[in-house]
N, C-alpha and C. Protein backbone atom coordinates (compact mmCIF):
# COMPACT_ATOMS: atom_id res chain seq x y z
N MET A 1 104.00 140.26 92.62
CA MET A 1 103.44 140.08 93.95
C MET A 1 101.97 140.50 93.96
N LYS A 2 101.65 141.58 93.26
CA LYS A 2 100.29 142.08 93.24
C LYS A 2 99.34 141.05 92.63
N SER A 3 99.76 140.39 91.53
CA SER A 3 98.89 139.40 90.89
C SER A 3 98.68 138.18 91.77
N ALA A 4 99.70 137.75 92.51
CA ALA A 4 99.54 136.61 93.42
C ALA A 4 98.55 136.94 94.52
N LEU A 5 98.63 138.17 95.04
CA LEU A 5 97.69 138.60 96.07
C LEU A 5 96.27 138.65 95.50
N SER A 6 96.13 139.11 94.27
CA SER A 6 94.82 139.16 93.63
C SER A 6 94.21 137.78 93.50
N VAL A 7 95.03 136.80 93.14
CA VAL A 7 94.54 135.43 93.02
C VAL A 7 94.07 134.91 94.36
N ILE A 8 94.81 135.20 95.41
CA ILE A 8 94.43 134.75 96.75
C ILE A 8 93.10 135.40 97.16
N VAL A 9 92.96 136.70 96.92
CA VAL A 9 91.73 137.41 97.28
C VAL A 9 90.54 136.85 96.51
N VAL A 10 90.72 136.64 95.19
CA VAL A 10 89.63 136.09 94.38
C VAL A 10 89.26 134.69 94.86
N ALA A 11 90.26 133.83 95.12
CA ALA A 11 89.99 132.47 95.59
C ALA A 11 89.26 132.50 96.92
N ALA A 12 89.70 133.38 97.84
CA ALA A 12 89.04 133.47 99.14
C ALA A 12 87.60 133.95 98.99
N THR A 13 87.38 134.91 98.09
CA THR A 13 86.02 135.42 97.85
C THR A 13 85.12 134.32 97.31
N ILE A 14 85.64 133.53 96.36
CA ILE A 14 84.85 132.43 95.80
C ILE A 14 84.54 131.40 96.88
N MET A 15 85.53 131.07 97.71
CA MET A 15 85.31 130.08 98.77
C MET A 15 84.25 130.58 99.76
N LEU A 16 84.25 131.88 100.07
CA LEU A 16 83.25 132.42 100.98
C LEU A 16 81.86 132.39 100.37
N ALA A 17 81.79 132.42 99.05
CA ALA A 17 80.50 132.40 98.38
C ALA A 17 79.88 131.01 98.32
N ILE A 18 80.66 130.00 98.60
CA ILE A 18 80.16 128.63 98.57
C ILE A 18 79.36 128.37 99.85
N PRO A 19 78.13 127.93 99.74
CA PRO A 19 77.32 127.69 100.93
C PRO A 19 77.98 126.67 101.86
N ALA A 20 77.87 126.91 103.15
CA ALA A 20 78.48 126.02 104.14
C ALA A 20 77.93 124.60 104.05
N ALA A 21 76.70 124.44 103.58
CA ALA A 21 76.09 123.12 103.48
C ALA A 21 76.81 122.23 102.47
N LEU A 22 77.65 122.83 101.61
CA LEU A 22 78.35 122.04 100.60
C LEU A 22 79.63 121.41 101.12
N ALA A 23 80.04 121.76 102.32
CA ALA A 23 81.26 121.20 102.88
C ALA A 23 81.07 120.96 104.37
N ARG A 24 81.53 119.84 104.81
CA ARG A 24 81.45 119.52 106.23
C ARG A 24 82.64 118.66 106.59
N GLU A 25 83.12 118.82 107.81
CA GLU A 25 84.20 118.00 108.33
C GLU A 25 83.71 117.25 109.55
N LYS A 26 84.22 116.04 109.71
CA LYS A 26 83.83 115.22 110.86
C LYS A 26 85.07 114.47 111.33
N ASP A 27 85.26 114.42 112.62
CA ASP A 27 86.42 113.74 113.20
C ASP A 27 85.96 112.39 113.75
N LEU A 28 86.42 111.31 113.12
CA LEU A 28 86.07 109.96 113.56
C LEU A 28 87.24 109.26 114.25
N ARG A 29 88.28 110.01 114.57
CA ARG A 29 89.45 109.41 115.20
C ARG A 29 89.15 108.99 116.63
N THR A 30 89.76 107.89 117.03
CA THR A 30 89.62 107.41 118.41
C THR A 30 90.92 107.55 119.17
N GLN A 31 91.98 107.93 118.48
CA GLN A 31 93.29 108.07 119.12
C GLN A 31 94.14 109.05 118.33
N THR A 32 95.14 109.59 118.99
CA THR A 32 96.07 110.45 118.27
C THR A 32 97.10 109.56 117.58
N ASP A 33 97.67 110.07 116.52
CA ASP A 33 98.62 109.29 115.74
C ASP A 33 99.88 110.13 115.54
N ALA A 34 100.96 109.73 116.19
CA ALA A 34 102.21 110.49 116.10
C ALA A 34 102.78 110.49 114.69
N SER A 35 102.33 109.55 113.86
CA SER A 35 102.89 109.47 112.50
C SER A 35 102.24 110.45 111.53
N GLY A 36 101.12 111.09 111.94
CA GLY A 36 100.49 112.09 111.07
C GLY A 36 98.98 112.01 111.05
N VAL A 37 98.39 112.72 110.08
CA VAL A 37 96.93 112.84 109.97
C VAL A 37 96.46 112.17 108.69
N THR A 38 95.34 111.43 108.77
CA THR A 38 94.75 110.79 107.60
C THR A 38 93.29 111.24 107.48
N GLU A 39 92.91 111.64 106.25
CA GLU A 39 91.56 112.11 105.99
C GLU A 39 91.02 111.47 104.71
N ILE A 40 89.70 111.28 104.71
CA ILE A 40 89.02 110.77 103.52
C ILE A 40 87.90 111.75 103.20
N GLY A 41 87.80 112.13 101.93
CA GLY A 41 86.76 113.06 101.51
C GLY A 41 85.79 112.37 100.55
N PHE A 42 84.51 112.55 100.79
CA PHE A 42 83.48 112.05 99.90
C PHE A 42 82.90 113.27 99.19
N CYS A 43 83.05 113.33 97.88
CA CYS A 43 82.73 114.56 97.14
C CYS A 43 81.82 114.29 95.95
N ALA A 44 81.08 115.32 95.56
CA ALA A 44 80.24 115.26 94.36
C ALA A 44 80.19 116.64 93.73
N ARG A 45 79.99 116.65 92.42
CA ARG A 45 79.79 117.92 91.73
C ARG A 45 78.36 117.96 91.21
N PRO A 46 77.83 119.17 91.00
CA PRO A 46 76.44 119.32 90.53
C PRO A 46 76.20 118.65 89.18
N SER A 47 74.95 118.45 88.87
CA SER A 47 74.59 117.80 87.61
C SER A 47 73.60 118.66 86.85
N PRO A 48 73.96 119.20 85.70
CA PRO A 48 75.33 119.34 85.21
C PRO A 48 76.00 120.52 85.89
N ASN A 49 77.34 120.57 85.84
CA ASN A 49 78.02 121.70 86.45
C ASN A 49 78.10 122.85 85.45
N SER A 50 78.78 123.92 85.83
CA SER A 50 78.81 125.13 84.99
C SER A 50 79.49 124.91 83.64
N TRP A 51 80.29 123.85 83.50
CA TRP A 51 80.92 123.56 82.21
C TRP A 51 80.16 122.50 81.42
N GLY A 52 79.02 122.07 81.93
CA GLY A 52 78.21 121.09 81.23
C GLY A 52 78.56 119.64 81.53
N PHE A 53 79.53 119.41 82.44
CA PHE A 53 79.87 118.03 82.80
C PHE A 53 78.73 117.43 83.61
N PRO A 54 78.46 116.14 83.45
CA PRO A 54 77.40 115.52 84.26
C PRO A 54 77.83 115.41 85.71
N GLY A 55 76.87 115.19 86.58
CA GLY A 55 77.18 115.00 88.00
C GLY A 55 78.12 113.83 88.18
N HIS A 56 78.90 113.88 89.24
CA HIS A 56 79.88 112.82 89.48
C HIS A 56 80.27 112.81 90.95
N ALA A 57 80.51 111.64 91.48
CA ALA A 57 80.97 111.48 92.86
C ALA A 57 82.33 110.81 92.85
N PHE A 58 83.15 111.15 93.83
CA PHE A 58 84.47 110.53 93.95
C PHE A 58 84.93 110.59 95.39
N VAL A 59 86.03 109.91 95.67
CA VAL A 59 86.57 109.83 97.02
C VAL A 59 88.01 110.34 96.99
N SER A 60 88.36 111.18 97.98
CA SER A 60 89.74 111.65 98.08
C SER A 60 90.40 111.04 99.31
N PHE A 61 91.67 110.80 99.18
CA PHE A 61 92.48 110.25 100.27
C PHE A 61 93.63 111.23 100.52
N SER A 62 93.77 111.65 101.76
CA SER A 62 94.78 112.64 102.09
C SER A 62 95.50 112.20 103.36
N GLU A 63 96.82 112.18 103.28
CA GLU A 63 97.59 111.88 104.49
C GLU A 63 98.75 112.85 104.58
N GLN A 64 99.02 113.28 105.81
CA GLN A 64 100.14 114.18 106.03
C GLN A 64 101.00 113.61 107.14
N PRO A 65 102.06 112.89 106.73
CA PRO A 65 102.98 112.38 107.74
C PRO A 65 103.59 113.55 108.52
N THR A 66 103.82 113.36 109.80
CA THR A 66 104.35 114.41 110.66
C THR A 66 105.63 114.99 110.06
N GLY A 67 105.63 116.31 109.90
CA GLY A 67 106.80 117.01 109.40
C GLY A 67 107.05 116.88 107.91
N GLN A 68 106.08 116.31 107.18
CA GLN A 68 106.25 116.13 105.74
C GLN A 68 105.10 116.78 104.97
N ARG A 69 105.23 116.77 103.65
CA ARG A 69 104.20 117.34 102.80
C ARG A 69 103.00 116.40 102.71
N ARG A 70 101.84 117.01 102.50
CA ARG A 70 100.60 116.25 102.35
C ARG A 70 100.61 115.43 101.06
N ILE A 71 100.12 114.22 101.13
CA ILE A 71 99.94 113.36 99.95
C ILE A 71 98.44 113.31 99.69
N PHE A 72 98.03 113.69 98.49
CA PHE A 72 96.61 113.76 98.17
C PHE A 72 96.34 113.03 96.86
N ARG A 73 95.29 112.23 96.84
CA ARG A 73 94.84 111.59 95.60
C ARG A 73 93.33 111.45 95.68
N ALA A 74 92.69 111.53 94.54
CA ALA A 74 91.24 111.38 94.48
C ALA A 74 90.92 110.38 93.38
N VAL A 75 89.98 109.48 93.68
CA VAL A 75 89.66 108.39 92.76
C VAL A 75 88.16 108.32 92.59
N GLY A 76 87.74 108.02 91.36
CA GLY A 76 86.32 107.84 91.09
C GLY A 76 86.11 106.74 90.08
N HIS A 77 84.88 106.30 89.97
CA HIS A 77 84.51 105.26 89.02
C HIS A 77 83.60 105.90 87.98
N THR A 78 83.99 105.80 86.72
CA THR A 78 83.23 106.44 85.66
C THR A 78 83.30 105.59 84.39
N VAL A 79 82.71 106.09 83.33
CA VAL A 79 82.75 105.36 82.06
C VAL A 79 84.14 105.49 81.44
N ALA A 80 84.52 104.48 80.66
CA ALA A 80 85.78 104.53 79.94
C ALA A 80 85.67 105.56 78.82
N PRO A 81 86.79 106.14 78.40
CA PRO A 81 86.74 107.15 77.34
C PRO A 81 86.06 106.67 76.05
N SER A 82 86.09 105.38 75.80
CA SER A 82 85.49 104.85 74.57
C SER A 82 83.97 104.70 74.64
N THR A 83 83.40 104.88 75.83
CA THR A 83 81.96 104.69 76.02
C THR A 83 81.19 105.95 75.61
N THR A 84 80.16 105.78 74.80
CA THR A 84 79.36 106.92 74.36
C THR A 84 78.34 107.30 75.44
N THR A 85 77.91 108.54 75.43
CA THR A 85 76.92 109.00 76.40
C THR A 85 75.60 108.23 76.29
N PRO A 86 75.05 108.01 75.07
CA PRO A 86 73.81 107.23 74.98
C PRO A 86 73.95 105.82 75.57
N ALA A 87 75.09 105.18 75.34
CA ALA A 87 75.29 103.82 75.88
C ALA A 87 75.31 103.85 77.39
N ALA A 88 75.96 104.85 77.98
CA ALA A 88 76.02 104.97 79.44
C ALA A 88 74.63 105.25 80.01
N VAL A 89 73.87 106.13 79.38
CA VAL A 89 72.52 106.46 79.86
C VAL A 89 71.61 105.23 79.76
N PHE A 90 71.76 104.43 78.72
CA PHE A 90 70.93 103.25 78.52
C PHE A 90 71.10 102.25 79.67
N THR A 91 72.25 102.25 80.34
CA THR A 91 72.45 101.32 81.46
C THR A 91 71.47 101.59 82.59
N TYR A 92 71.01 102.84 82.72
CA TYR A 92 70.06 103.19 83.77
C TYR A 92 68.70 102.54 83.53
N PHE A 93 68.38 102.30 82.27
CA PHE A 93 67.08 101.74 81.91
C PHE A 93 67.13 100.25 81.63
N GLY A 94 68.09 99.58 82.23
CA GLY A 94 68.16 98.12 82.11
C GLY A 94 69.09 97.61 81.05
N GLY A 95 69.75 98.50 80.34
CA GLY A 95 70.75 98.06 79.36
C GLY A 95 71.93 97.44 80.07
N GLY A 96 72.69 96.62 79.38
CA GLY A 96 73.86 95.99 79.98
C GLY A 96 74.90 97.01 80.38
N SER A 97 75.83 96.59 81.21
CA SER A 97 76.89 97.50 81.64
C SER A 97 77.80 97.85 80.47
N VAL A 98 78.52 98.93 80.63
CA VAL A 98 79.46 99.39 79.59
C VAL A 98 80.86 99.41 80.19
N ALA A 99 81.83 99.65 79.33
CA ALA A 99 83.21 99.74 79.80
C ALA A 99 83.34 100.92 80.76
N GLY A 100 83.93 100.68 81.88
CA GLY A 100 84.15 101.72 82.88
C GLY A 100 85.61 101.76 83.28
N GLN A 101 85.90 102.66 84.20
CA GLN A 101 87.27 102.72 84.71
C GLN A 101 87.28 103.42 86.05
N GLN A 102 88.24 103.04 86.88
CA GLN A 102 88.54 103.80 88.07
C GLN A 102 89.74 104.63 87.70
N ALA A 103 89.64 105.92 87.97
CA ALA A 103 90.71 106.80 87.55
C ALA A 103 90.89 107.93 88.55
N GLU A 104 92.05 108.57 88.46
CA GLU A 104 92.33 109.72 89.30
C GLU A 104 91.42 110.88 88.89
N GLU A 105 90.93 111.58 89.88
CA GLU A 105 89.99 112.67 89.65
C GLU A 105 90.70 114.02 89.71
N ARG A 106 90.07 114.99 89.08
CA ARG A 106 90.50 116.38 89.18
C ARG A 106 89.30 117.18 89.69
N PHE A 107 89.59 118.17 90.51
CA PHE A 107 88.49 119.02 90.98
C PHE A 107 88.03 119.87 89.80
N THR A 108 86.76 119.72 89.41
CA THR A 108 86.27 120.33 88.18
C THR A 108 85.15 121.34 88.41
N HIS A 109 84.88 121.68 89.64
CA HIS A 109 83.78 122.61 89.88
C HIS A 109 84.00 123.31 91.21
N MET A 110 83.86 124.60 91.24
CA MET A 110 84.09 125.35 92.49
C MET A 110 83.06 125.01 93.56
N LYS A 111 81.89 124.51 93.17
CA LYS A 111 80.85 124.24 94.15
C LYS A 111 80.64 122.76 94.38
N GLN A 112 81.67 121.96 94.22
CA GLN A 112 81.47 120.57 94.55
C GLN A 112 81.31 120.45 96.07
N ALA A 113 80.53 119.48 96.48
CA ALA A 113 80.23 119.30 97.89
C ALA A 113 81.06 118.15 98.43
N CYS A 114 81.59 118.31 99.64
CA CYS A 114 82.43 117.27 100.23
C CYS A 114 82.14 117.08 101.71
N LEU A 115 82.17 115.84 102.14
CA LEU A 115 82.23 115.49 103.55
C LEU A 115 83.63 114.94 103.77
N THR A 116 84.42 115.64 104.59
CA THR A 116 85.78 115.20 104.87
C THR A 116 85.83 114.65 106.28
N VAL A 117 86.34 113.42 106.42
CA VAL A 117 86.40 112.78 107.73
C VAL A 117 87.85 112.47 108.08
N GLN A 118 88.22 112.84 109.30
CA GLN A 118 89.52 112.44 109.82
C GLN A 118 89.34 111.07 110.45
N VAL A 119 90.25 110.16 110.12
CA VAL A 119 90.12 108.78 110.58
C VAL A 119 91.44 108.26 111.11
N ASP A 120 91.34 107.21 111.92
CA ASP A 120 92.54 106.51 112.37
C ASP A 120 93.20 105.83 111.17
N ARG A 121 94.50 105.61 111.26
CA ARG A 121 95.25 105.04 110.14
C ARG A 121 94.69 103.67 109.71
N ALA A 122 94.24 102.84 110.64
CA ALA A 122 93.71 101.52 110.28
C ALA A 122 92.45 101.65 109.42
N ARG A 123 91.57 102.60 109.79
CA ARG A 123 90.36 102.83 108.99
C ARG A 123 90.73 103.40 107.62
N TYR A 124 91.74 104.23 107.57
CA TYR A 124 92.21 104.81 106.31
C TYR A 124 92.67 103.69 105.37
N GLN A 125 93.42 102.75 105.91
CA GLN A 125 93.91 101.63 105.11
C GLN A 125 92.75 100.75 104.62
N ASP A 126 91.74 100.55 105.48
CA ASP A 126 90.55 99.78 105.08
C ASP A 126 89.86 100.45 103.89
N ALA A 127 89.73 101.77 103.95
CA ALA A 127 89.07 102.52 102.88
C ALA A 127 89.88 102.47 101.59
N LEU A 128 91.20 102.58 101.71
CA LEU A 128 92.06 102.46 100.52
C LEU A 128 91.89 101.10 99.86
N THR A 129 91.83 100.07 100.67
CA THR A 129 91.65 98.71 100.14
C THR A 129 90.31 98.60 99.42
N ALA A 130 89.26 99.17 100.00
CA ALA A 130 87.93 99.11 99.38
C ALA A 130 87.89 99.89 98.06
N ALA A 131 88.75 100.89 97.92
CA ALA A 131 88.76 101.71 96.71
C ALA A 131 89.51 101.04 95.56
N ARG A 132 90.24 100.00 95.84
CA ARG A 132 90.99 99.34 94.77
C ARG A 132 90.02 98.66 93.82
N PRO A 133 90.33 98.67 92.54
CA PRO A 133 89.44 98.02 91.57
C PRO A 133 89.14 96.58 91.94
N THR A 134 87.88 96.20 91.79
CA THR A 134 87.42 94.85 92.13
C THR A 134 88.27 93.77 91.48
N LEU A 135 88.69 94.01 90.25
CA LEU A 135 89.45 92.99 89.53
C LEU A 135 90.83 92.76 90.13
N VAL A 136 91.35 93.70 90.90
CA VAL A 136 92.65 93.52 91.53
C VAL A 136 92.60 92.33 92.48
N ILE A 137 91.46 92.17 93.13
CA ILE A 137 91.29 91.06 94.07
C ILE A 137 91.47 89.72 93.36
N LEU A 138 91.13 89.69 92.08
CA LEU A 138 91.26 88.45 91.30
C LEU A 138 92.66 88.27 90.74
N GLY A 139 93.58 89.16 91.10
CA GLY A 139 94.96 89.00 90.66
C GLY A 139 95.32 89.74 89.39
N ILE A 140 94.40 90.53 88.86
CA ILE A 140 94.69 91.30 87.64
C ILE A 140 95.48 92.55 88.05
N PRO A 141 96.55 92.89 87.34
CA PRO A 141 97.37 94.06 87.71
C PRO A 141 96.54 95.34 87.83
N ASP A 142 96.95 96.22 88.75
CA ASP A 142 96.23 97.47 89.03
C ASP A 142 95.89 98.26 87.78
N ASN A 143 96.88 98.49 86.91
CA ASN A 143 96.63 99.37 85.76
C ASN A 143 95.62 98.77 84.80
N LEU A 144 95.63 97.46 84.60
CA LEU A 144 94.66 96.82 83.72
C LEU A 144 93.29 96.77 84.39
N ALA A 145 93.26 96.45 85.68
CA ALA A 145 91.99 96.34 86.40
C ALA A 145 91.26 97.68 86.43
N ALA A 146 91.99 98.77 86.67
CA ALA A 146 91.36 100.08 86.77
C ALA A 146 90.70 100.49 85.46
N SER A 147 91.25 100.02 84.34
CA SER A 147 90.68 100.40 83.05
C SER A 147 89.68 99.37 82.52
N ALA A 148 89.50 98.27 83.22
CA ALA A 148 88.60 97.22 82.75
C ALA A 148 87.34 97.09 83.60
N GLU A 149 87.15 97.97 84.55
CA GLU A 149 85.97 97.92 85.40
C GLU A 149 84.71 98.15 84.57
N ARG A 150 83.66 97.43 84.87
CA ARG A 150 82.36 97.64 84.19
C ARG A 150 81.63 98.78 84.89
N TYR A 151 80.71 99.41 84.18
CA TYR A 151 80.00 100.57 84.69
C TYR A 151 78.53 100.47 84.32
N SER A 152 77.67 100.81 85.28
CA SER A 152 76.24 100.82 85.02
C SER A 152 75.59 101.83 85.96
N LEU A 153 74.76 102.70 85.40
CA LEU A 153 74.06 103.68 86.23
C LEU A 153 73.01 103.02 87.12
N SER A 154 72.70 101.78 86.87
CA SER A 154 71.70 101.10 87.68
C SER A 154 72.31 100.24 88.78
N GLY A 155 73.61 100.33 88.99
CA GLY A 155 74.14 99.54 90.08
C GLY A 155 75.64 99.40 90.19
N ASN A 156 76.43 100.06 89.38
CA ASN A 156 77.88 100.00 89.54
C ASN A 156 78.47 101.29 88.99
N ASP A 157 78.16 102.40 89.66
CA ASP A 157 78.58 103.70 89.16
C ASP A 157 79.38 104.45 90.24
N CYS A 158 79.53 105.74 90.04
CA CYS A 158 80.35 106.54 90.96
C CYS A 158 79.76 106.59 92.37
N ILE A 159 78.43 106.60 92.49
CA ILE A 159 77.82 106.62 93.82
C ILE A 159 78.06 105.29 94.53
N ASP A 160 77.91 104.18 93.82
CA ASP A 160 78.17 102.87 94.43
C ASP A 160 79.62 102.75 94.87
N PHE A 161 80.53 103.31 94.07
CA PHE A 161 81.95 103.30 94.45
C PHE A 161 82.13 104.07 95.77
N MET A 162 81.52 105.24 95.87
CA MET A 162 81.63 106.03 97.09
C MET A 162 81.05 105.27 98.28
N ILE A 163 79.90 104.64 98.08
CA ILE A 163 79.26 103.89 99.17
C ILE A 163 80.14 102.73 99.61
N ARG A 164 80.76 102.04 98.64
CA ARG A 164 81.64 100.91 98.98
C ARG A 164 82.77 101.36 99.90
N VAL A 165 83.35 102.52 99.62
CA VAL A 165 84.42 103.04 100.47
C VAL A 165 83.84 103.51 101.81
N ALA A 166 82.72 104.21 101.78
CA ALA A 166 82.12 104.74 103.01
C ALA A 166 81.72 103.62 103.98
N GLN A 167 81.26 102.51 103.45
CA GLN A 167 80.84 101.38 104.30
C GLN A 167 81.96 100.94 105.24
N THR A 168 83.21 101.07 104.81
CA THR A 168 84.33 100.64 105.66
C THR A 168 84.47 101.52 106.89
N LEU A 169 83.86 102.71 106.87
CA LEU A 169 83.98 103.63 107.99
C LEU A 169 82.78 103.58 108.93
N ARG A 170 81.84 102.70 108.66
CA ARG A 170 80.69 102.55 109.59
C ARG A 170 81.17 102.16 110.98
N ILE A 171 82.17 101.30 111.04
CA ILE A 171 82.71 100.85 112.32
C ILE A 171 83.27 102.03 113.12
N ALA A 172 83.69 103.08 112.43
CA ALA A 172 84.24 104.27 113.09
C ALA A 172 83.15 105.29 113.43
N GLY A 173 81.91 105.04 112.98
CA GLY A 173 80.81 105.94 113.30
C GLY A 173 80.24 106.72 112.13
N LEU A 174 80.72 106.48 110.92
CA LEU A 174 80.15 107.18 109.76
C LEU A 174 78.78 106.59 109.46
N VAL A 175 77.80 107.46 109.29
CA VAL A 175 76.45 107.03 108.93
C VAL A 175 76.35 107.09 107.40
N VAL A 176 76.00 105.95 106.78
CA VAL A 176 75.90 105.86 105.33
C VAL A 176 74.43 105.65 104.97
N PRO A 177 73.78 106.67 104.44
CA PRO A 177 72.35 106.54 104.11
C PRO A 177 72.13 105.59 102.94
N SER A 178 70.91 105.11 102.83
CA SER A 178 70.55 104.25 101.70
C SER A 178 70.47 105.09 100.44
N ARG A 179 70.79 104.47 99.34
CA ARG A 179 70.69 105.13 98.04
C ARG A 179 69.33 104.81 97.43
N THR A 180 68.72 105.80 96.79
CA THR A 180 67.48 105.55 96.07
C THR A 180 67.76 105.58 94.58
N ALA A 181 66.83 105.09 93.79
CA ALA A 181 67.01 105.02 92.34
C ALA A 181 67.12 106.39 91.70
N THR A 182 66.61 107.42 92.38
CA THR A 182 66.64 108.76 91.79
C THR A 182 67.77 109.64 92.32
N ASP A 183 68.61 109.12 93.20
CA ASP A 183 69.72 109.92 93.73
C ASP A 183 70.72 110.26 92.64
N THR A 184 71.04 111.54 92.54
CA THR A 184 72.17 111.97 91.72
C THR A 184 73.39 112.01 92.64
N PRO A 185 74.59 112.15 92.10
CA PRO A 185 75.74 112.28 92.99
C PRO A 185 75.57 113.40 94.01
N MET A 186 75.05 114.55 93.57
CA MET A 186 74.90 115.68 94.49
C MET A 186 73.84 115.41 95.55
N THR A 187 72.70 114.82 95.18
CA THR A 187 71.68 114.56 96.20
C THR A 187 72.17 113.52 97.19
N PHE A 188 72.96 112.54 96.71
CA PHE A 188 73.45 111.54 97.66
C PHE A 188 74.47 112.15 98.62
N ILE A 189 75.37 112.98 98.11
CA ILE A 189 76.37 113.57 99.02
C ILE A 189 75.69 114.50 100.02
N GLN A 190 74.61 115.16 99.62
CA GLN A 190 73.88 116.00 100.57
C GLN A 190 73.25 115.14 101.66
N LYS A 191 72.74 113.96 101.30
CA LYS A 191 72.20 113.04 102.30
C LYS A 191 73.31 112.56 103.24
N LEU A 192 74.49 112.27 102.68
CA LEU A 192 75.62 111.81 103.49
C LEU A 192 76.06 112.90 104.46
N ILE A 193 76.14 114.13 103.99
CA ILE A 193 76.50 115.26 104.85
C ILE A 193 75.47 115.45 105.94
N ALA A 194 74.19 115.42 105.59
CA ALA A 194 73.12 115.62 106.58
C ALA A 194 73.13 114.50 107.63
N ALA A 195 73.39 113.27 107.20
CA ALA A 195 73.38 112.14 108.13
C ALA A 195 74.56 112.19 109.10
N ASN A 196 75.58 112.96 108.78
CA ASN A 196 76.77 113.02 109.62
C ASN A 196 77.00 114.43 110.17
N GLY A 197 75.90 115.14 110.42
CA GLY A 197 75.96 116.52 110.91
C GLY A 197 76.41 116.60 112.34
């Protein structure tokens, strides 16, 4: 029991140490939903983070049906495991796209920044649809499409994936700022948070 309490105290202390600017919540709901709560999170981690991972942006989907456990999944667009770092970096300077993938994300940094929005179920479904791999629309099965997505730092990367999902929430009042060529995942999420203050 003592060790469990210690873990809770340490986790709470770490959470309190995270600047408030790194997390924000916004309610975009227009009606109550007796079937439960639906939330979408737009998140980014620093570049590089404390473990040396490069910056990255992803989207989380969370729904809690009334009286049931929360269902949570997070998805991002990144390079395929077979893609080398130099090849991925070269895409930023006009090189062709490389093998990419949409995959489930894991929280990899205590200081990742997130904008979490509560949305009506219809908007939640729109965002889920936008998050599906582009190739699925062409009839390619989900598992193959997710692993066959192309990736380019100059126009089809994790930030573009986040923007594609966020655009579906403009109708609900989410402000989606323009992306610049120098935006990192963290600078873009900070712009998104600031625009929706």
